[in-house]
Amino acid sequence: MNTDICDASVSITDPTALAEWNATIRAFMAHGSQTPLHLGKVLELEPGFAMGHAAKGLFSLMLGRSELTVVARDALAVAERALAQGQAPLRERLWCRALSAWLAGRPSGAIALMEEALMDNPRDTLSAKMSHAIRFVLGDNHGMRRSIERVLNAHGDDHPLRGFVHGCHAFTLEETGEYAAAEAAGLRGLQSAPDDAWGLHAVAHVYDMTHQPERGIALIEENAGSWLHCNNFRYHVWWHKALLHLDRGELEKVVQLYDTEIRHDRTDDYRDFSNASSLLMRLELEGVHVGDRWQELADLAEKRASDACAAFADLHYMMALTRENRTEATQTMLERFHRNAADPETETLRIIAEPGLTAAEGLAAYGEGQYGAAFRNLVQAQPRMQTVGGSHAQRDVFERITIDAGMRAGYLSETEALIRKRTALRGGIEDAFAAARMEQLSVAMRRASA
């Protein structure tokens, strides 16, 4: 039986198909735009390769779009028929079971099966990355770190994918507050895998969280080869660059990046959508008039309002609907949240139920100018917002809205506590947003006492 670039057994027999499978793995690790093309060639040459079909299904579910669930179910059916034809390696069987678990509403079950594959073979970088990716969707930052640290030693200098593992480790270190270690791990990973966009973006996270915008901008600009080859993940790197310029107060530059890069292709991929909606929201919180840019996003959000594939996506759709005053669509989406909360039959729906519903009601109230209700709801949701997924940087938009609502509603001491908590998460380093709000709070408190 052949082995792939991860030193894992595969049922592929055709040498060209094996080369395409290795290319699929490497492209997936690098967030490369050619990943589906390589996988398509694998399945064309080896239609009985069950793991290839399982990968297609899992990749589809990660995109968080309701219509791709059908693609994933079809992929599972083909994979199971392929498994029935003979003895597939353990990893292949585990990947098929992982796809089945996620389709049954248990992404945590898919994670457990990836971890089982890693127990069998800790050099299996592909399963490590998939566990990492699903945990990211669930906001499991500490689980991400434990998982990747279990396989670090197996990815020594002899492993061709070691740089990508260091990149994943860098991201988990950043998301658990180890900023210096995260920077070192990410830069070390780039030495072995210069096309590791995830590792580079982990270091950009560090510079965002520790208020070092100059270093972050330089990192992104000087390492274009690490991320310009990417699929739509390159828009996310542009988004990070925009955040760094925002921290420097370069608002016109942020708007330019929005128009020319971040929304260059006006897709409805929820990751691209969240980049756009959260950046427009940040700009508005800084007093920038964004013109009719919300209209395009609200149109897309109306079409996606019933998806219920990820709370993270839903909350960004809600943000766009409220900013464009789509009252009817906002109410329809809130009603769907309530239905999901009444019968949360899957893990995803349980997250939509809590904290998703409370956060959605907070966003709707904020859009209506009911700042007290917005603040109360968003504060109530905050302790569990980690579970909606994404990163600290991505969820920070909800913290900024909460802080703005608290200031507008007169919850001055409570808002001060939130700002200080947010700063503590950043290693005690106050960024431009926090500094400006603390100054505004100081003025408001003096007026209130007078």
Foldseek 3Di string as FASTA:
>chain_A
DDAALLRHDFPDDDPVLRVLVNVLLVCVLLQFPCNVVSLVVNCVVPVLGLQSLLVQLLVLLLLLFQVSLVSNVVSLVSSVVSVVVDPTDLLSVLSSVLSVCVSQQHNVSSLVSLLVVCVVPLSRVSSLVSNLSSCQQQLVLVVNQVSLVVSLVVLDPVRLQNLSSLLSNLQSCVQVQVLVSSLVSLVVSCVSVLQRPSSLVSNLSSCLLQVNLVVSLCSCVVSVNNQVSHDLVNLVSLLSNLSSVVLVVVLVVSLVSLPCRLVVPVDLRLVSLLSNLLSVLSSVLVVDDNPCVLVSLQVSLLVRLLSLSALLSNLSNLLSCLQVVVPVSLVVSLVNLVVLLVCVPHPSSVVCNAPVNLQSQLSNCVSVVVLVSNLVSLVVRPVPPSRSGDGPVSCVSSLSSNLVSCVVVVVLVVSLVSLQVSCVSSVVRHTSSSVVSVVVSVVVVVVVVD
